[in-house]
Each structure stands twice: as C-alpha cells, then as structure tokens.
Amino acid sequence: MRSDVEYFLRDKHILSSPVIHHSGSCQYLENHTGRRDPVTPECCKTSNGVELRDSLKKAAIEAVDAVKERLFSISDQMYREPEVGLQEWKSSKLLVDLLKEFGFEVEVGLCNLPTSFRAIRRGKPGGPTVAILAEYDALPEIGHGCGHNIIGTAAAGAGIALAPLMDNIRGTLVVLGTPAEEGAVDNAGGKVTLLEGGAFSGVDVAMMFHPSQKDVVMSTSNARVAMEISFRGKAAHAAGAPHEGINALDAAILTFNAWNALRQHVKEDVRIHGIITKGGVSPNIIPDYAEIRMYVRAKDMDYLRQVEDKVKKCAEGAATATGATVNFRYTAKAYANMITNETLARAFGKNLEALGRKVQEPEPKAGGGSTDMGNVSHVVPSIHPYIAICEPGTATSHSREFAKATISEMGHKGLLDGAKALAMTAIDVFTDPVLLAAIKDEFAKKVSRKG
C-alpha cells in the first residue's frame, strides 16, 4: 500500500512514479530502473551542496504537511489515552505501526524495555548515523502535561518525511523510541538503560525537542537523583502508651526540616523536593513506617553527589534523633546534566527561523528540570531544544492546562514545526561534512573539559 508521503512526493514531481518497496524500505525509481527523477536526483548530481540541501529540506517540509492530519490524530489519541512510563503499550504501538508503514525496519523491546523501539532507514553507504528520539510517556493523573505525545509523534513525523529521501543521502536514519523519561515510576530513565545496553552505539548525532512556552534552542537541565527514603519505627497506642513507640513519621518530618536548613548552605541551582507517601494508618497508632519519595538536583553530577551525601545525612540524623532506622533506595536512573551541542543547536535554530518562528535567548540560569537526554549528551553530540505550544503565562509544564495545549491549534503547529525542524537539521548533518566535523569537534572539547 502506497503511503501518503509517496503520493505527495510523486504529485510534486519529487518522485516520478510509484515507489518500489523492497526489504521493508522505500527506494527511488531511479535505483531500480536507472531513470532520473526530475527533481531530487538531479540535485544530488550537482556539486552545489546548498542547492541539494534546500531541495531536500523543501521536500521534507512538504512531506510533513502532507501527513499532518495523521500526525494530529496520533498525538491527540495519546492525549486521550495517556500511559505512564514502562506501560506505554498503545502509544509505542501507534508510532511503531506508523514507521513500519513508511518502510522502516523496526525492532521492538530493546534492552529489556518492552515499550522501546528502534526504527532504521538506511541511505547510501557511508555517512553519519542520525538518531531522532521519541518520548511518549505521560504523568500520573495529569496525563500529557509534559507534552510527550507531541515529542513522540513529531519524531515519527520527521522520520517518515526523511524516509523517501534517504536513497539519495549517505548515512543512516534512526528513530529511537525511549520510554519512561518521567521519574514518576520506578526504574525510570529509559535513555540511560538504552545507553547502557548499547542502543546508541554508532550514533553520531542525537536530537529531540520538547514542548514549552518559548522557542529556545540552547537548553540546559540539572543533574538529578531520585530516591525513596523509608523509616522504620515501633507501633504503640498514641494515647495509652506513646512512650513505648518510635514514631517513623516524626523521622520523616524532621528530615524535611533538616533539608530546609540545608538549603542555606548549598548553591542556588540546587533543588531538594519530595513528598511523604506513607505516614501511618490511624491517628491513635504511633506510625511504625514512613516513606518519602524525593529528588535532588544540581547543575552538574559532581556537585549533585556532594549534595546527595548531605541529604542522606539529614535523614540519618533524623533517624538517630527519633530512634528509627532509615533505608535508601534509588527509584530511577541518575540523570546527568544536559550538555547542549551549540553548533547543532544553532543549525536547528536556523531551521526553526526558516519556518517563521522566532528563537529566544535562554534564561541566564540553568533549567531547573532534568532529563535522561542529559545522559545521552555526555556520550553523543545532542540537542534538546524547546518549541512553544502555548503563549507564555497560559499554562506551565506538568499541568492539566499544558496537557490541553498539546491538542490546541498552537500545539498542533508546534508538532509540525518541530517535525520539520528535526528533519531539516538531520538533512544538514547528512549533507554538510563541515557542519558534522564542527559538531564533533565541539563535543570532543566539552567532554574533554568535563573529564
């Protein structure tokens, strides 16, 4: 069955006749018959690299527009049926089915993550491997208040726009499905698991974008650890024999008070925040068990580890003061701070501006949030820019209002522009060896300084 993109490309004379499917991928008619396509292959034969890139970008932009209603439908369906991390069965299947339809070779369940996937479209031999990353997990109760329905759908949209162009490009395109970015579930941090399992082996550049209130390409994020801290005490009658009990809830409350004091003595980029998830079962029983789930964030991993040690000592001191015992358990992979590749980010920003968007300067302070894309950025040149899906002040991330913005007209436009900018930037990397060399040079220097 021929795809919407193939119909579109043929109607625009970018393909001269139906695409022939072979081994799960789409290939240009020229590759099978020797006939020249009237537009793109002719550009591929010119020495004018700018002309080639412009032609490929134009084809990618128009290809995304050709399937926009399909993309809106998928993103909106994810909004209506949100799935938390590691349970994104429907969401990942929607993206996998779409990518298979457009000729990608797809492997599901990488690195013991059942809802992960890797979709590959190979071009001509040689050239770089570009990975476009998809996220699709939602938040508990709030749903897609972080806009991951847009992220995943746009990544797939960029991929299917590039797929029919790859026969005239040296390199390999990967759309990588990365589950459980949100820390709301145990064992979150899908990208870290994929990194550890070798899923990024051979990748030269990794890209994704995130919905926001502003268009910003030079993004930052904090390093983060996620912990569960539990206290064991001794139950007793809260009125009849309180002196025989050990109050685990008191230990949890003292821990929060100690953290409040600690905030005076850490750098301003540090964030210490958490909730008490368990603290007793009845007012007339001294709580014998209490539990905290919390995050510690800092500008970089080195300082994060220092603060993490102090945070633990606060809990240990609270346990000593009350007579309780304390236990620490990490609930997610540690997230590293984001190292944005500025060379790649500028290319993405230039493409966003070519689409009519105005890129804004980032806030002077590091972003307070965290992402497992940070871990990727320490291994592969990476970007994690932001694209506006609502007006500033109308909705904030991790809110129901932001979730609703993902299915608004502005949200749909952000999805399309994000998909187009990802595809355009991938074309830059594939076709401009000078740009790729500069990306790798910057990465090597930053990693060297970090080490």
Protein backbone atom coordinates (compact mmCIF):
# COMPACT_ATOMS: atom_id res chain seq x y z
CA MET A 1 0.00 0.00 0.00
CA ARG A 2 1.48 3.34 -1.02
CA SER A 3 1.90 5.93 1.70
CA ASP A 4 0.55 9.48 1.84
CA VAL A 5 4.10 10.82 1.63
CA GLU A 6 4.82 8.81 -1.51
CA TYR A 7 1.62 10.08 -3.17
CA PHE A 8 2.61 13.59 -2.21
CA LEU A 9 6.19 13.35 -3.47
CA ARG A 10 5.04 11.92 -6.76
CA ASP A 11 2.37 14.59 -7.21
CA LYS A 12 5.03 17.26 -6.57
CA HIS A 13 7.33 15.56 -9.13
CA ILE A 14 9.86 14.72 -6.45
CA LEU A 15 9.16 11.11 -7.34
CA SER A 16 8.40 10.36 -11.00
CA SER A 17 6.42 7.14 -10.41
CA PRO A 18 5.34 4.83 -7.61
CA VAL A 19 7.98 3.85 -5.10
CA ILE A 20 9.03 0.20 -5.18
CA HIS A 21 9.07 -1.42 -1.74
CA HIS A 22 11.96 -3.78 -1.06
CA SER A 23 13.11 -5.34 2.23
CA GLY A 24 10.84 -3.06 4.25
CA SER A 25 12.12 0.23 2.82
CA CYS A 26 11.11 2.66 0.11
CA GLN A 27 13.52 3.24 -2.76
CA TYR A 28 13.52 5.73 -5.56
CA LEU A 29 12.56 4.51 -9.01
CA GLU A 30 15.97 5.60 -10.27
CA ASN A 31 17.67 2.99 -8.12
CA HIS A 32 15.74 0.21 -9.89
CA THR A 33 15.44 1.45 -13.48
CA GLY A 34 18.26 3.93 -13.97
CA ARG A 35 15.73 6.65 -14.83
CA ARG A 36 16.42 10.06 -13.36
CA ASP A 37 13.92 11.58 -11.07
CA PRO A 38 13.07 15.07 -12.50
CA VAL A 39 13.97 16.96 -9.31
CA THR A 40 15.80 15.44 -6.38
CA PRO A 41 18.23 13.03 -8.08
CA GLU A 42 19.26 15.79 -10.46
CA CYS A 43 20.10 17.94 -7.46
CA CYS A 44 22.00 15.07 -5.96
CA LYS A 45 24.24 15.05 -9.00
CA THR A 46 25.16 18.71 -8.72
CA SER A 47 28.21 19.91 -6.88
CA ASN A 48 26.14 22.64 -5.27
CA GLY A 49 25.60 21.28 -1.75
CA VAL A 50 23.41 24.22 -0.76
CA GLU A 51 21.07 23.51 -3.66
CA LEU A 52 20.87 19.87 -2.63
CA ARG A 53 20.09 20.71 0.98
CA ASP A 54 17.48 23.28 0.05
CA SER A 55 15.74 20.82 -2.26
CA LEU A 56 15.75 18.06 0.31
CA LYS A 57 14.50 20.40 3.04
CA LYS A 58 11.68 21.63 0.82
CA ALA A 59 10.66 18.05 0.14
CA ALA A 60 10.76 17.19 3.86
CA ILE A 61 8.70 20.23 4.85
CA GLU A 62 6.04 19.50 2.30
CA ALA A 63 6.04 15.81 3.20
CA VAL A 64 5.28 16.63 6.86
CA ASP A 65 2.41 18.86 5.74
CA ALA A 66 1.11 16.03 3.57
CA VAL A 67 0.58 13.79 6.60
CA LYS A 68 -0.29 16.42 9.20
CA GLU A 69 -3.81 15.15 9.86
CA ARG A 70 -2.42 11.69 10.52
CA LEU A 71 0.11 13.12 12.96
CA PHE A 72 -2.53 15.19 14.74
CA SER A 73 -4.70 12.10 15.10
CA ILE A 74 -1.90 10.06 16.70
CA SER A 75 -0.83 12.81 19.09
CA ASP A 76 -4.44 13.52 20.10
CA GLN A 77 -5.09 9.82 20.68
CA MET A 78 -2.10 9.69 23.04
CA TYR A 79 -3.57 12.69 24.85
CA ARG A 80 -6.89 10.91 25.29
CA GLU A 81 -5.25 7.64 26.39
CA PRO A 82 -2.16 8.65 28.40
CA GLU A 83 0.15 5.91 29.64
CA VAL A 84 2.78 6.27 32.36
CA GLY A 85 6.36 5.15 31.88
CA LEU A 86 7.09 1.49 31.04
CA GLN A 87 3.38 1.00 30.33
CA GLU A 88 3.23 2.92 27.04
CA TRP A 89 1.87 -0.07 25.12
CA LYS A 90 -0.66 1.73 22.93
CA SER A 91 1.46 4.83 22.43
CA SER A 92 4.57 2.97 21.31
CA LYS A 93 2.49 0.74 19.02
CA LEU A 94 0.95 3.77 17.33
CA LEU A 95 4.45 5.06 16.47
CA VAL A 96 5.85 1.65 15.53
CA ASP A 97 2.94 0.92 13.19
CA LEU A 98 3.32 4.32 11.54
CA LEU A 99 7.06 3.88 10.98
CA LYS A 100 6.61 0.35 9.61
CA GLU A 101 4.01 1.64 7.18
CA PHE A 102 6.56 4.08 5.81
CA GLY A 103 9.21 1.46 5.22
CA PHE A 104 11.32 1.48 8.39
CA GLU A 105 12.93 -1.66 9.75
CA VAL A 106 11.68 -1.71 13.33
CA GLU A 107 12.97 -3.62 16.35
CA VAL A 108 10.82 -3.54 19.49
CA GLY A 109 11.81 -4.19 23.08
CA LEU A 110 15.44 -3.08 23.20
CA CYS A 111 17.49 -3.64 26.35
CA ASN A 112 14.64 -5.35 28.21
CA LEU A 113 12.41 -2.29 27.77
CA PRO A 114 9.26 -3.73 26.15
CA THR A 115 7.90 -0.35 25.03
CA SER A 116 11.15 0.85 23.45
CA PHE A 117 11.86 0.59 19.74
CA ARG A 118 14.47 1.34 17.11
CA ALA A 119 13.33 2.18 13.58
CA ILE A 120 16.05 2.31 10.91
CA ARG A 121 16.06 3.70 7.38
CA ARG A 122 19.38 3.21 5.64
CA GLY A 123 20.61 5.54 2.93
CA LYS A 124 23.65 5.18 0.71
CA PRO A 125 26.72 3.54 2.30
CA GLY A 126 28.87 5.76 4.48
CA GLY A 127 27.86 8.98 6.10
CA PRO A 128 26.72 9.66 9.67
CA THR A 129 24.04 7.99 11.74
CA VAL A 130 21.46 10.47 13.00
CA ALA A 131 19.09 9.46 15.80
CA ILE A 132 15.80 11.29 16.33
CA LEU A 133 14.47 10.46 19.79
CA ALA A 134 10.84 9.86 20.65
CA GLU A 135 9.27 10.12 24.10
CA TYR A 136 5.66 9.11 24.77
CA ASP A 137 5.15 8.51 28.48
CA ALA A 138 2.65 10.55 30.49
CA LEU A 139 2.37 11.78 34.07
CA PRO A 140 0.13 10.10 36.68
CA GLU A 141 -3.33 11.72 36.85
CA ILE A 142 -2.28 14.79 34.82
CA GLY A 143 -1.71 12.87 31.59
CA HIS A 144 0.41 14.53 28.90
CA GLY A 145 1.18 17.60 30.99
CA CYS A 146 4.75 17.45 29.69
CA GLY A 147 3.77 17.13 26.04
CA HIS A 148 5.42 13.81 25.28
CA ASN A 149 2.57 12.96 22.90
CA ILE A 150 3.92 15.76 20.70
CA ILE A 151 7.54 14.65 21.12
CA GLY A 152 6.89 11.08 20.01
CA THR A 153 4.60 11.95 17.14
CA ALA A 154 6.90 14.67 15.81
CA ALA A 155 9.89 12.32 15.92
CA ALA A 156 7.99 9.79 13.83
CA GLY A 157 6.79 12.58 11.54
CA ALA A 158 10.36 13.72 10.92
CA GLY A 159 11.35 10.15 10.23
CA ILE A 160 8.67 9.43 7.64
CA ALA A 161 9.39 12.75 5.92
CA LEU A 162 13.05 11.79 5.58
CA ALA A 163 12.48 8.13 4.65
CA PRO A 164 11.85 8.54 0.89
CA LEU A 165 14.80 10.93 0.64
CA MET A 166 17.35 8.57 2.17
CA ASP A 167 18.15 6.78 -1.10
CA ASN A 168 19.89 9.96 -2.21
CA ILE A 169 21.67 10.58 1.11
CA ARG A 170 24.76 8.95 2.56
CA GLY A 171 24.01 7.88 6.09
CA THR A 172 21.55 6.09 8.35
CA LEU A 173 18.44 7.48 9.98
CA VAL A 174 17.26 6.10 13.33
CA VAL A 175 14.04 6.94 15.14
CA LEU A 176 14.60 5.69 18.67
CA GLY A 177 11.66 5.14 20.99
CA THR A 178 12.73 5.94 24.56
CA PRO A 179 10.21 5.09 27.30
CA ALA A 180 9.87 6.36 30.86
CA GLU A 181 11.58 9.75 30.82
CA GLU A 182 9.38 10.99 33.64
CA GLY A 183 10.56 9.96 37.09
CA ALA A 184 7.05 9.07 38.26
CA VAL A 185 7.60 5.32 38.02
CA ASP A 186 10.25 3.02 39.43
CA ASN A 187 13.18 2.32 37.11
CA ALA A 188 12.52 5.43 35.03
CA GLY A 189 15.21 6.69 32.70
CA GLY A 190 14.75 4.73 29.51
CA LYS A 191 17.53 6.53 27.67
CA VAL A 192 20.03 5.60 30.39
CA THR A 193 19.05 1.94 30.10
CA LEU A 194 19.35 2.15 26.32
CA LEU A 195 22.76 3.80 26.63
CA GLU A 196 23.98 1.10 28.99
CA GLY A 197 22.64 -1.57 26.64
CA GLY A 198 24.43 -0.21 23.58
CA ALA A 199 21.42 1.18 21.72
CA PHE A 200 23.33 4.40 20.93
CA SER A 201 26.39 2.57 19.60
CA GLY A 202 27.43 4.09 16.27
CA VAL A 203 25.15 7.12 16.61
CA ASP A 204 26.90 10.34 15.53
CA VAL A 205 24.21 12.86 16.48
CA ALA A 206 21.09 12.63 18.69
CA MET A 207 18.19 15.09 18.52
CA MET A 208 14.80 15.73 20.03
CA PHE A 209 12.73 18.73 21.06
CA HIS A 210 10.40 19.42 23.95
CA PRO A 211 7.16 21.43 24.06
CA SER A 212 7.32 24.65 26.07
CA GLN A 213 6.05 28.24 26.28
CA LYS A 214 9.01 29.60 24.28
CA ASP A 215 11.20 28.69 21.33
CA VAL A 216 14.65 28.15 22.85
CA VAL A 217 17.45 26.07 21.33
CA MET A 218 20.32 26.50 23.81
CA SER A 219 18.73 24.42 26.54
CA THR A 220 20.15 23.33 29.87
CA SER A 221 18.98 20.92 32.55
CA ASN A 222 20.08 19.84 36.01
CA ALA A 223 21.52 16.51 37.04
CA ARG A 224 19.15 14.51 39.27
CA VAL A 225 18.89 11.55 41.58
CA ALA A 226 15.54 10.09 42.65
CA MET A 227 15.26 8.31 45.98
CA GLU A 228 12.80 6.59 48.24
CA ILE A 229 13.72 7.09 51.91
CA SER A 230 11.93 4.81 54.37
CA PHE A 231 11.89 4.90 58.17
CA ARG A 232 11.07 2.00 60.49
CA GLY A 233 9.82 2.70 63.98
CA LYS A 234 7.65 0.90 66.53
CA ALA A 235 3.88 0.99 66.75
CA ALA A 236 2.16 1.80 70.04
CA HIS A 237 -1.10 3.29 71.30
CA ALA A 238 -0.76 7.01 70.63
CA ALA A 239 -2.70 7.93 73.79
CA GLY A 240 -2.31 4.95 76.11
CA ALA A 241 1.40 4.17 75.70
CA PRO A 242 3.10 6.66 73.33
CA HIS A 243 6.36 6.28 75.27
CA GLU A 244 6.60 2.70 74.05
CA GLY A 245 6.51 3.72 70.39
CA ILE A 246 9.08 5.01 67.91
CA ASN A 247 7.46 7.47 65.53
CA ALA A 248 8.64 6.90 61.97
CA LEU A 249 6.56 9.86 60.76
CA ASP A 250 8.43 12.17 63.13
CA ALA A 251 11.66 11.00 61.49
CA ALA A 252 10.28 11.88 58.05
CA ILE A 253 9.13 15.32 59.22
CA LEU A 254 12.48 16.03 60.90
CA THR A 255 14.16 15.09 57.62
CA PHE A 256 12.20 17.75 55.74
CA ASN A 257 13.05 20.30 58.41
CA ALA A 258 16.74 19.41 58.11
CA TRP A 259 16.53 19.83 54.32
CA ASN A 260 15.00 23.27 54.82
CA ALA A 261 18.04 24.21 56.90
CA LEU A 262 20.40 22.63 54.37
CA ARG A 263 19.10 24.90 51.59
CA GLN A 264 21.01 27.81 53.19
CA HIS A 265 24.28 26.00 52.59
CA VAL A 266 24.06 24.77 49.01
CA LYS A 267 24.44 26.54 45.67
CA GLU A 268 21.42 28.33 44.26
CA ASP A 269 20.95 25.88 41.37
CA VAL A 270 20.26 23.01 43.82
CA ARG A 271 16.72 21.71 44.16
CA ILE A 272 15.64 19.44 47.02
CA HIS A 273 11.99 18.43 46.90
CA GLY A 274 9.83 15.48 47.82
CA ILE A 275 6.59 14.15 49.26
CA ILE A 276 5.63 11.89 52.16
CA THR A 277 3.91 8.92 50.53
CA LYS A 278 3.29 6.91 53.71
CA GLY A 279 2.99 8.19 57.27
CA GLY A 280 0.75 5.98 59.34
CA VAL A 281 -2.66 4.38 59.17
CA SER A 282 -4.63 5.88 62.08
CA PRO A 283 -4.25 8.85 64.47
CA ASN A 284 -4.37 6.56 67.51
CA ILE A 285 -1.38 4.47 66.37
CA ILE A 286 2.21 5.65 66.55
CA PRO A 287 3.36 5.24 62.90
CA ASP A 288 5.86 2.42 62.64
CA TYR A 289 6.59 3.14 58.97
CA ALA A 290 7.00 6.30 56.93
CA GLU A 291 8.20 6.83 53.40
CA ILE A 292 9.49 9.77 51.39
CA ARG A 293 9.92 9.96 47.63
CA MET A 294 12.22 12.80 46.66
CA TYR A 295 14.56 14.31 44.08
CA VAL A 296 17.87 16.10 44.46
CA ARG A 297 19.02 18.25 41.54
CA ALA A 298 22.17 20.24 40.86
CA LYS A 299 23.91 21.91 37.93
CA ASP A 300 26.33 19.03 37.36
CA MET A 301 26.91 15.47 38.51
CA ASP A 302 29.95 16.22 40.66
CA TYR A 303 28.15 18.74 42.85
CA LEU A 304 24.99 16.63 42.83
CA ARG A 305 26.87 13.80 44.54
CA GLN A 306 28.09 16.18 47.25
CA VAL A 307 24.56 17.43 47.94
CA GLU A 308 23.16 13.91 47.79
CA ASP A 309 25.50 12.88 50.63
CA LYS A 310 24.30 15.81 52.76
CA VAL A 311 20.66 14.97 52.01
CA LYS A 312 21.22 11.41 53.22
CA LYS A 313 22.94 12.62 56.38
CA CYS A 314 19.86 14.73 57.19
CA ALA A 315 17.72 11.59 57.07
CA GLU A 316 20.24 9.61 59.07
CA GLY A 317 20.30 12.32 61.73
CA ALA A 318 16.50 12.34 61.91
CA ALA A 319 16.51 8.58 62.37
CA THR A 320 19.05 8.84 65.17
CA ALA A 321 17.05 11.58 66.90
CA THR A 322 13.84 9.56 66.90
CA GLY A 323 15.23 6.07 67.35
CA ALA A 324 14.02 4.94 63.94
CA THR A 325 16.02 3.13 61.30
CA VAL A 326 16.41 4.51 57.78
CA ASN A 327 16.86 2.92 54.36
CA PHE A 328 17.63 4.49 50.98
CA ARG A 329 16.50 3.15 47.60
CA TYR A 330 17.05 4.76 44.19
CA THR A 331 13.82 4.74 42.23
CA ALA A 332 15.23 5.80 38.87
CA LYS A 333 18.48 6.05 36.98
CA ALA A 334 20.57 9.09 37.83
CA TYR A 335 20.07 11.82 35.22
CA ALA A 336 23.12 13.79 34.08
CA ASN A 337 23.05 17.49 33.28
CA MET A 338 22.45 18.41 29.64
CA ILE A 339 25.47 19.32 27.52
CA THR A 340 23.90 21.09 24.55
CA ASN A 341 25.94 20.94 21.37
CA GLU A 342 25.75 24.59 20.40
CA THR A 343 26.85 24.01 16.80
CA LEU A 344 23.99 21.57 16.26
CA ALA A 345 21.58 23.78 18.22
CA ARG A 346 22.36 26.77 16.01
CA ALA A 347 21.59 24.68 12.93
CA PHE A 348 18.27 23.65 14.47
CA GLY A 349 17.52 27.27 15.39
CA LYS A 350 18.26 28.44 11.87
CA ASN A 351 15.80 25.89 10.53
CA LEU A 352 13.16 26.96 13.05
CA GLU A 353 13.58 30.56 11.91
CA ALA A 354 13.27 29.45 8.29
CA LEU A 355 9.86 28.12 9.29
CA GLY A 356 8.88 31.56 10.56
CA ARG A 357 9.50 31.06 14.28
CA LYS A 358 11.50 33.46 16.46
CA VAL A 359 14.14 31.78 18.57
CA GLN A 360 14.58 33.38 22.00
CA GLU A 361 17.62 33.56 24.21
CA PRO A 362 17.62 31.10 27.13
CA GLU A 363 17.18 32.17 30.71
CA PRO A 364 20.55 33.06 32.32
CA LYS A 365 20.19 30.36 34.97
CA ALA A 366 20.28 26.64 34.22
CA GLY A 367 16.95 24.94 33.71
CA GLY A 368 15.68 23.55 36.99
CA GLY A 369 14.26 20.39 35.42
CA SER A 370 16.09 17.23 34.47
CA THR A 371 16.01 14.75 31.59
CA ASP A 372 17.68 11.49 30.69
CA MET A 373 18.64 13.20 27.43
CA GLY A 374 21.37 14.69 29.61
CA ASN A 375 23.00 11.27 29.87
CA VAL A 376 22.91 10.89 26.09
CA SER A 377 24.56 14.30 25.68
CA HIS A 378 27.62 13.11 27.61
CA VAL A 379 28.14 10.29 25.08
CA VAL A 380 26.80 11.63 21.76
CA PRO A 381 26.56 15.21 20.42
CA SER A 382 22.98 16.11 21.33
CA ILE A 383 20.33 18.82 21.44
CA HIS A 384 17.12 19.17 23.46
CA PRO A 385 15.58 22.47 22.27
CA TYR A 386 12.15 23.80 23.22
CA ILE A 387 9.24 24.76 20.97
CA ALA A 388 6.27 26.81 22.14
CA ILE A 389 2.83 25.19 22.13
CA CYS A 390 1.10 27.87 24.19
CA GLU A 391 1.50 31.53 24.99
CA PRO A 392 3.71 32.41 27.99
CA GLY A 393 1.72 32.56 31.19
CA THR A 394 -1.23 30.50 29.93
CA ALA A 395 0.00 27.06 31.01
CA THR A 396 3.02 25.61 32.76
CA SER A 397 4.63 22.23 32.24
CA HIS A 398 3.28 19.36 34.36
CA SER A 399 -0.21 20.83 34.48
CA ARG A 400 -3.57 19.81 33.03
CA GLU A 401 -3.64 23.12 31.17
CA PHE A 402 -0.38 22.25 29.41
CA ALA A 403 -1.77 18.83 28.51
CA LYS A 404 -4.75 20.51 26.84
CA ALA A 405 -2.38 22.80 24.96
CA THR A 406 -0.91 19.78 23.18
CA ILE A 407 -4.16 19.31 21.24
CA SER A 408 -4.74 23.01 20.57
CA GLU A 409 -4.12 24.72 17.24
CA MET A 410 -0.86 26.14 18.61
CA GLY A 411 0.09 22.72 19.92
CA HIS A 412 -0.50 21.16 16.51
CA LYS A 413 1.59 23.84 14.86
CA GLY A 414 4.40 23.19 17.34
CA LEU A 415 4.25 19.50 16.49
CA LEU A 416 4.53 20.18 12.74
CA ASP A 417 7.28 22.79 13.07
CA GLY A 418 9.20 20.50 15.42
CA ALA A 419 8.98 17.60 12.98
CA LYS A 420 10.07 19.82 10.11
CA ALA A 421 12.98 21.35 12.02
CA LEU A 422 14.21 17.91 13.11
CA ALA A 423 14.07 16.66 9.52
CA MET A 424 15.77 19.79 8.19
CA THR A 425 18.54 19.59 10.78
CA ALA A 426 19.09 15.91 10.01
CA ILE A 427 19.49 16.88 6.35
CA ASP A 428 22.10 19.47 7.37
CA VAL A 429 24.06 16.81 9.26
CA PHE A 430 23.77 14.26 6.45
CA THR A 431 24.82 16.62 3.66
CA ASP A 432 27.26 19.06 5.26
CA PRO A 433 30.53 17.37 6.34
CA VAL A 434 31.93 20.69 7.57
CA LEU A 435 28.99 21.07 9.96
CA LEU A 436 29.35 17.48 11.17
CA ALA A 437 33.06 17.98 11.81
CA ALA A 438 32.33 21.15 13.81
CA ILE A 439 29.68 19.31 15.85
CA LYS A 440 32.12 16.54 16.70
CA ASP A 441 34.95 18.96 17.44
CA GLU A 442 32.82 20.92 19.91
CA PHE A 443 31.65 17.71 21.57
CA ALA A 444 35.20 16.41 21.97
CA LYS A 445 36.34 19.67 23.57
CA LYS A 446 33.41 19.81 26.01
CA VAL A 447 33.74 16.19 27.05
CA SER A 448 37.48 16.65 27.49
CA ARG A 449 36.93 19.64 29.79
CA LYS A 450 34.29 17.72 31.74
CA GLY A 451 36.69 14.82 32.25
